[in-house]
PDB file of N, CA and C in Angstrom:
ATOM      1  N   MET A   1      63.381  22.599  23.082  1.00  0.00           N
ATOM      2  CA  MET A   1      63.631  21.753  21.783  1.00  0.00           C
ATOM      3  C   MET A   1      62.799  20.857  21.486  1.00  0.00           C
ATOM      4  N   SER A   2      62.266  20.523  20.244  1.00  0.00           N
ATOM      5  CA  SER A   2      61.289  19.652  19.902  1.00  0.00           C
ATOM      6  C   SER A   2      62.016  18.214  19.286  1.00  0.00           C
ATOM      7  N   GLN A   3      61.484  17.211  19.835  1.00  0.00           N
ATOM      8  CA  GLN A   3      62.274  15.924  18.789  1.00  0.00           C
ATOM      9  C   GLN A   3      61.086  15.258  18.114  1.00  0.00           C
ATOM     10  N   ARG A   4      61.273  14.479  17.039  1.00  0.00           N
ATOM     11  CA  ARG A   4      60.201  13.997  15.975  1.00  0.00           C
ATOM     12  C   ARG A   4      60.032  12.781  16.737  1.00  0.00           C
ATOM     13  N   THR A   5      59.042  12.330  16.424  1.00  0.00           N
ATOM     14  CA  THR A   5      58.682  10.915  16.751  1.00  0.00           C
ATOM     15  C   THR A   5      58.298  10.285  15.706  1.00  0.00           C
ATOM     16  N   GLU A   6      57.761   8.979  16.080  1.00  0.00           N
ATOM     17  CA  GLU A   6      57.963   8.051  14.733  1.00  0.00           C
ATOM     18  C   GLU A   6      56.191   8.567  13.925  1.00  0.00           C
ATOM     19  N   ILE A   7      55.333   9.319  14.532  1.00  0.00           N
ATOM     20  CA  ILE A   7      54.112   9.705  13.887  1.00  0.00           C
ATOM     21  C   ILE A   7      54.292  11.400  13.110  1.00  0.00           C
ATOM     22  N   PRO A   8      54.042  11.083  11.859  1.00  0.00           N
ATOM     23  CA  PRO A   8      54.338  12.404  11.201  1.00  0.00           C
ATOM     24  C   PRO A   8      53.526  13.529  11.798  1.00  0.00           C
ATOM     25  N   GLY A   9      54.428  14.495  12.036  1.00  0.00           N
ATOM     26  CA  GLY A   9      53.557  15.616  12.728  1.00  0.00           C
ATOM     27  C   GLY A   9      53.806  15.839  14.097  1.00  0.00           C
ATOM     28  N   VAL A  10      53.887  14.934  14.524  1.00  0.00           N
ATOM     29  CA  VAL A  10      54.177  14.645  16.222  1.00  0.00           C
ATOM     30  C   VAL A  10      55.493  15.158  16.641  1.00  0.00           C
ATOM     31  N   TYR A  11      55.511  15.795  17.326  1.00  0.00           N
ATOM     32  CA  TYR A  11      56.580  16.220  18.508  1.00  0.00           C
ATOM     33  C   TYR A  11      56.707  16.048  19.733  1.00  0.00           C
ATOM     34  N   LYS A  12      57.850  15.659  20.369  1.00  0.00           N
ATOM     35  CA  LYS A  12      58.239  15.251  21.997  1.00  0.00           C
ATOM     36  C   LYS A  12      58.686  16.647  22.209  1.00  0.00           C
ATOM     37  N   GLU A  13      58.236  17.395  23.267  1.00  0.00           N
ATOM     38  CA  GLU A  13      58.825  18.506  23.868  1.00  0.00           C
ATOM     39  C   GLU A  13      59.705  17.794  25.096  1.00  0.00           C
ATOM     40  N   ARG A  14      60.783  18.719  25.690  1.00  0.00           N
ATOM     41  CA  ARG A  14      61.460  18.381  26.583  1.00  0.00           C
ATOM     42  C   ARG A  14      60.906  17.842  27.822  1.00  0.00           C
ATOM     43  N   GLU A  15      59.542  18.328  28.332  1.00  0.00           N
ATOM     44  CA  GLU A  15      58.725  18.092  29.413  1.00  0.00           C
ATOM     45  C   GLU A  15      58.060  16.608  29.400  1.00  0.00           C
ATOM     46  N   GLY A  16      58.266  16.031  28.141  1.00  0.00           N
ATOM     47  CA  GLY A  16      57.930  14.734  27.350  1.00  0.00           C
ATOM     48  C   GLY A  16      56.275  15.198  26.861  1.00  0.00           C
ATOM     49  N   VAL A  17      55.738  16.304  26.951  1.00  0.00           N
ATOM     50  CA  VAL A  17      54.658  16.556  26.039  1.00  0.00           C
ATOM     51  C   VAL A  17      54.732  16.380  24.967  1.00  0.00           C
ATOM     52  N   LEU A  18      53.522  15.603  24.065  1.00  0.00           N
ATOM     53  CA  LEU A  18      53.392  15.482  22.451  1.00  0.00           C
ATOM     54  C   LEU A  18      52.933  16.635  21.885  1.00  0.00           C
ATOM     55  N   ILE A  19      53.245  17.238  20.944  1.00  0.00           N
ATOM     56  CA  ILE A  19      52.416  18.273  20.400  1.00  0.00           C
ATOM     57  C   ILE A  19      52.415  17.828  18.733  1.00  0.00           C
ATOM     58  N   ASN A  20      50.920  18.074  18.313  1.00  0.00           N
ATOM     59  CA  ASN A  20      50.994  17.197  16.922  1.00  0.00           C
ATOM     60  C   ASN A  20      50.495  18.922  16.198  1.00  0.00           C
ATOM     61  N   LYS A  21      51.638  18.893  15.269  1.00  0.00           N
ATOM     62  CA  LYS A  21      51.929  20.355  14.611  1.00  0.00           C
ATOM     63  C   LYS A  21      50.769  19.762  13.428  1.00  0.00           C
ATOM     64  N   ASP A  22      50.471  18.587  13.056  1.00  0.00           N
ATOM     65  CA  ASP A  22      49.677  18.511  11.730  1.00  0.00           C
ATOM     66  C   ASP A  22      48.362  19.430  11.213  1.00  0.00           C
ATOM     67  N   ASN A  23      48.306  20.307  10.904  1.00  0.00           N
ATOM     68  CA  ASN A  23      47.047  21.079  11.123  1.00  0.00           C
ATOM     69  C   ASN A  23      46.055  20.446  10.114  1.00  0.00           C
ATOM     70  N   ASP A  24      46.677  19.768   8.955  1.00  0.00           N
ATOM     71  CA  ASP A  24      45.737  19.028   8.130  1.00  0.00           C
ATOM     72  C   ASP A  24      44.871  18.376   9.006  1.00  0.00           C
ATOM     73  N   ALA A  25      45.313  17.349   9.655  1.00  0.00           N
ATOM     74  CA  ALA A  25      44.902  16.351  10.243  1.00  0.00           C
ATOM     75  C   ALA A  25      43.847  16.984  11.402  1.00  0.00           C
ATOM     76  N   LEU A  26      44.096  18.257  12.015  1.00  0.00           N
ATOM     77  CA  LEU A  26      43.223  18.728  12.957  1.00  0.00           C
ATOM     78  C   LEU A  26      42.552  19.434  12.204  1.00  0.00           C
ATOM     79  N   MET A  27      41.963  19.656  11.125  1.00  0.00           N
ATOM     80  CA  MET A  27      40.995  20.143  10.358  1.00  0.00           C
ATOM     81  C   MET A  27      40.151  19.082   9.815  1.00  0.00           C
ATOM     82  N   ALA A  28      41.051  18.019   9.585  1.00  0.00           N
ATOM     83  CA  ALA A  28      39.714  16.746   9.277  1.00  0.00           C
ATOM     84  C   ALA A  28      39.334  16.164  10.308  1.00  0.00           C
ATOM     85  N   TYR A  29      39.988  16.226  11.775  1.00  0.00           N
ATOM     86  CA  TYR A  29      39.066  15.684  13.108  1.00  0.00           C
ATOM     87  C   TYR A  29      38.153  16.810  13.310  1.00  0.00           C
ATOM     88  N   LYS A  30      38.459  18.165  13.305  1.00  0.00           N
ATOM     89  CA  LYS A  30      37.293  18.864  13.519  1.00  0.00           C
ATOM     90  C   LYS A  30      36.043  19.031  12.637  1.00  0.00           C
ATOM     91  N   ILE A  31      36.034  18.721  11.180  1.00  0.00           N
ATOM     92  CA  ILE A  31      35.089  18.236  10.178  1.00  0.00           C
ATOM     93  C   ILE A  31      34.452  17.251  10.526  1.00  0.00           C
ATOM     94  N   ARG A  32      35.104  16.051  10.830  1.00  0.00           N
ATOM     95  CA  ARG A  32      34.334  14.888  11.647  1.00  0.00           C
ATOM     96  C   ARG A  32      33.689  15.217  12.588  1.00  0.00           C
ATOM     97  N   MET A  33      34.044  15.581  13.647  1.00  0.00           N
ATOM     98  CA  MET A  33      33.483  16.111  14.619  1.00  0.00           C
ATOM     99  C   MET A  33      32.019  16.639  14.565  1.00  0.00           C
ATOM    100  N   GLU A  34      32.113  17.602  13.739  1.00  0.00           N
ATOM    101  CA  GLU A  34      30.982  18.594  13.096  1.00  0.00           C
ATOM    102  C   GLU A  34      30.187  17.851  12.744  1.00  0.00           C
ATOM    103  N   LYS A  35      30.590  16.936  11.500  1.00  0.00           N
ATOM    104  CA  LYS A  35      29.717  16.220  11.021  1.00  0.00           C
ATOM    105  C   LYS A  35      28.988  14.881  11.834  1.00  0.00           C
ATOM    106  N   ALA A  36      29.609  14.618  12.949  1.00  0.00           N
ATOM    107  CA  ALA A  36      28.945  13.792  13.984  1.00  0.00           C
ATOM    108  C   ALA A  36      28.174  14.356  14.834  1.00  0.00           C
ATOM    109  N   ARG A  37      28.282  15.689  15.192  1.00  0.00           N
ATOM    110  CA  ARG A  37      27.301  16.322  15.949  1.00  0.00           C
ATOM    111  C   ARG A  37      26.355  16.541  14.921  1.00  0.00           C
ATOM    112  N   GLU A  38      26.495  17.113  13.970  1.00  0.00           N
ATOM    113  CA  GLU A  38      25.036  17.306  12.853  1.00  0.00           C
ATOM    114  C   GLU A  38      24.408  16.130  12.629  1.00  0.00           C
ATOM    115  N   THR A  39      24.900  14.630  12.763  1.00  0.00           N
ATOM    116  CA  THR A  39      24.159  13.847  12.273  1.00  0.00           C
ATOM    117  C   THR A  39      23.433  13.421  13.680  1.00  0.00           C
ATOM    118  N   ALA A  40      23.975  13.647  14.814  1.00  0.00           N
ATOM    119  CA  ALA A  40      23.528  13.399  15.748  1.00  0.00           C
ATOM    120  C   ALA A  40      22.259  14.372  16.429  1.00  0.00           C
ATOM    121  N   VAL A  41      22.243  15.641  15.911  1.00  0.00           N
ATOM    122  CA  VAL A  41      21.239  16.502  15.842  1.00  0.00           C
ATOM    123  C   VAL A  41      20.043  16.254  15.036  1.00  0.00           C
ATOM    124  N   LEU A  42      20.453  15.652  13.753  1.00  0.00           N
ATOM    125  CA  LEU A  42      19.420  15.242  12.654  1.00  0.00           C
ATOM    126  C   LEU A  42      18.562  13.945  13.305  1.00  0.00           C
ATOM    127  N   ARG A  43      19.453  13.153  13.973  1.00  0.00           N
ATOM    128  CA  ARG A  43      18.818  11.975  14.506  1.00  0.00           C
ATOM    129  C   ARG A  43      17.770  12.005  15.478  1.00  0.00           C
ATOM    130  N   GLU A  44      18.067  13.048  16.162  1.00  0.00           N
ATOM    131  CA  GLU A  44      17.341  13.760  17.570  1.00  0.00           C
ATOM    132  C   GLU A  44      15.881  14.540  16.919  1.00  0.00           C
ATOM    133  N   GLU A  45      16.099  15.196  15.648  1.00  0.00           N
ATOM    134  CA  GLU A  45      14.892  15.886  15.039  1.00  0.00           C
ATOM    135  C   GLU A  45      14.037  14.663  14.347  1.00  0.00           C
ATOM    136  N   VAL A  46      14.844  13.473  13.672  1.00  0.00           N
ATOM    137  CA  VAL A  46      14.060  12.971  13.210  1.00  0.00           C
ATOM    138  C   VAL A  46      12.909  12.208  14.000  1.00  0.00           C
ATOM    139  N   THR A  47      13.470  11.470  15.418  1.00  0.00           N
ATOM    140  CA  THR A  47      12.849  10.809  16.297  1.00  0.00           C
ATOM    141  C   THR A  47      11.590  11.683  16.951  1.00  0.00           C
ATOM    142  N   GLU A  48      12.085  12.983  17.018  1.00  0.00           N
ATOM    143  CA  GLU A  48      10.961  14.054  17.669  1.00  0.00           C
ATOM    144  C   GLU A  48       9.985  14.331  16.655  1.00  0.00           C
ATOM    145  N   LEU A  49      10.374  14.062  15.258  1.00  0.00           N
ATOM    146  CA  LEU A  49       9.016  14.152  14.282  1.00  0.00           C
ATOM    147  C   LEU A  49       8.289  13.013  14.007  1.00  0.00           C
ATOM    148  N   LYS A  50       8.985  11.663  14.376  1.00  0.00           N
ATOM    149  CA  LYS A  50       8.453  10.570  14.290  1.00  0.00           C
ATOM    150  C   LYS A  50       7.489  10.788  15.309  1.00  0.00           C
ATOM    151  N   LYS A  51       7.641  10.922  16.633  1.00  0.00           N
ATOM    152  CA  LYS A  51       6.827  10.906  17.905  1.00  0.00           C
ATOM    153  C   LYS A  51       5.750  11.917  17.480  1.00  0.00           C
ATOM    154  N   ASP A  52       5.549  13.147  17.069  1.00  0.00           N
ATOM    155  CA  ASP A  52       4.961  14.228  16.330  1.00  0.00           C
ATOM    156  C   ASP A  52       3.679  13.410  15.471  1.00  0.00           C
ATOM    157  N   ILE A  53       4.250  12.733  14.521  1.00  0.00           N
ATOM    158  CA  ILE A  53       3.442  12.538  13.491  1.00  0.00           C
ATOM    159  C   ILE A  53       2.451  11.290  14.180  1.00  0.00           C
ATOM    160  N   GLN A  54       3.213  10.578  15.166  1.00  0.00           N
ATOM    161  CA  GLN A  54       2.478   9.603  15.856  1.00  0.00           C
ATOM    162  C   GLN A  54       1.217   9.829  16.743  1.00  0.00           C
ATOM    163  N   GLU A  55       1.602  11.027  17.390  1.00  0.00           N
ATOM    164  CA  GLU A  55       0.556  11.753  18.037  1.00  0.00           C
ATOM    165  C   GLU A  55      -0.295  12.397  17.387  1.00  0.00           C
ATOM    166  N   ILE A  56      -0.441  12.796  16.243  1.00  0.00           N
ATOM    167  CA  ILE A  56      -1.267  13.408  15.062  1.00  0.00           C
ATOM    168  C   ILE A  56      -2.234  12.137  14.595  1.00  0.00           C
ATOM    169  N   LYS A  57      -1.314  11.127  14.363  1.00  0.00           N
ATOM    170  CA  LYS A  57      -2.306  10.098  14.016  1.00  0.00           C
ATOM    171  C   LYS A  57      -3.248   9.629  14.907  1.00  0.00           C
ATOM    172  N   ASP A  58      -2.803   9.478  16.164  1.00  0.00           N
ATOM    173  CA  ASP A  58      -3.724   9.418  17.075  1.00  0.00           C
ATOM    174  C   ASP A  58      -4.963   9.967  17.414  1.00  0.00           C
ATOM    175  N   LEU A  59      -4.414  11.457  17.217  1.00  0.00           N
ATOM    176  CA  LEU A  59      -5.450  12.566  17.674  1.00  0.00           C
ATOM    177  C   LEU A  59      -6.405  12.178  16.199  1.00  0.00           C
ATOM    178  N   LEU A  60      -6.228  12.181  15.063  1.00  0.00           N
ATOM    179  CA  LEU A  60      -7.125  12.010  14.002  1.00  0.00           C
ATOM    180  C   LEU A  60      -8.105  10.609  13.549  1.00  0.00           C
ATOM    181  N   LYS A  61      -7.288   9.577  14.674  1.00  0.00           N
ATOM    182  CA  LYS A  61      -8.117   8.129  14.904  1.00  0.00           C
ATOM    183  C   LYS A  61      -9.229   8.539  15.886  1.00  0.00           C
ATOM    184  N   GLY A  62      -8.671   9.314  17.050  1.00  0.00           N
ATOM    185  CA  GLY A  62      -9.867   9.724  18.255  1.00  0.00           C
ATOM    186  C   GLY A  62     -10.841  10.562  16.970  1.00  0.00           C
ATOM    187  N   LEU A  63     -10.811  11.221  16.376  1.00  0.00           N
ATOM    188  CA  LEU A  63     -11.735  12.249  15.317  1.00  0.00           C
ATOM    189  C   LEU A  63     -12.482  11.304  14.936  1.00  0.00           C
ATOM    190  N   ILE A  64     -12.103  10.454  14.202  1.00  0.00           N
ATOM    191  CA  ILE A  64     -12.671   9.447  13.136  1.00  0.00           C
ATOM    192  C   ILE A  64     -13.924   8.769  13.911  1.00  0.00           C
ATOM    193  N   LYS A  65     -13.536   8.156  15.303  1.00  0.00           N
ATOM    194  CA  LYS A  65     -14.358   7.462  16.189  1.00  0.00           C
ATOM    195  C   LYS A  65     -15.571   7.976  16.875  1.00  0.00           C
TER     196      LYS A  65
END
């Protein structure tokens, strides 16, 4: 048997385990985590592109000399 807690959607089982039955909050959490992962990937890609552009610039400067 589950007991309600003061947190909406969270229940406490007999064993003392907390169970979150708030599916909307879970979906919101998953969306936030996916966006954070995508942001991290994009930042990494931008950093790599900046390095590549700098390398191209350096090569072009070398050709000019």
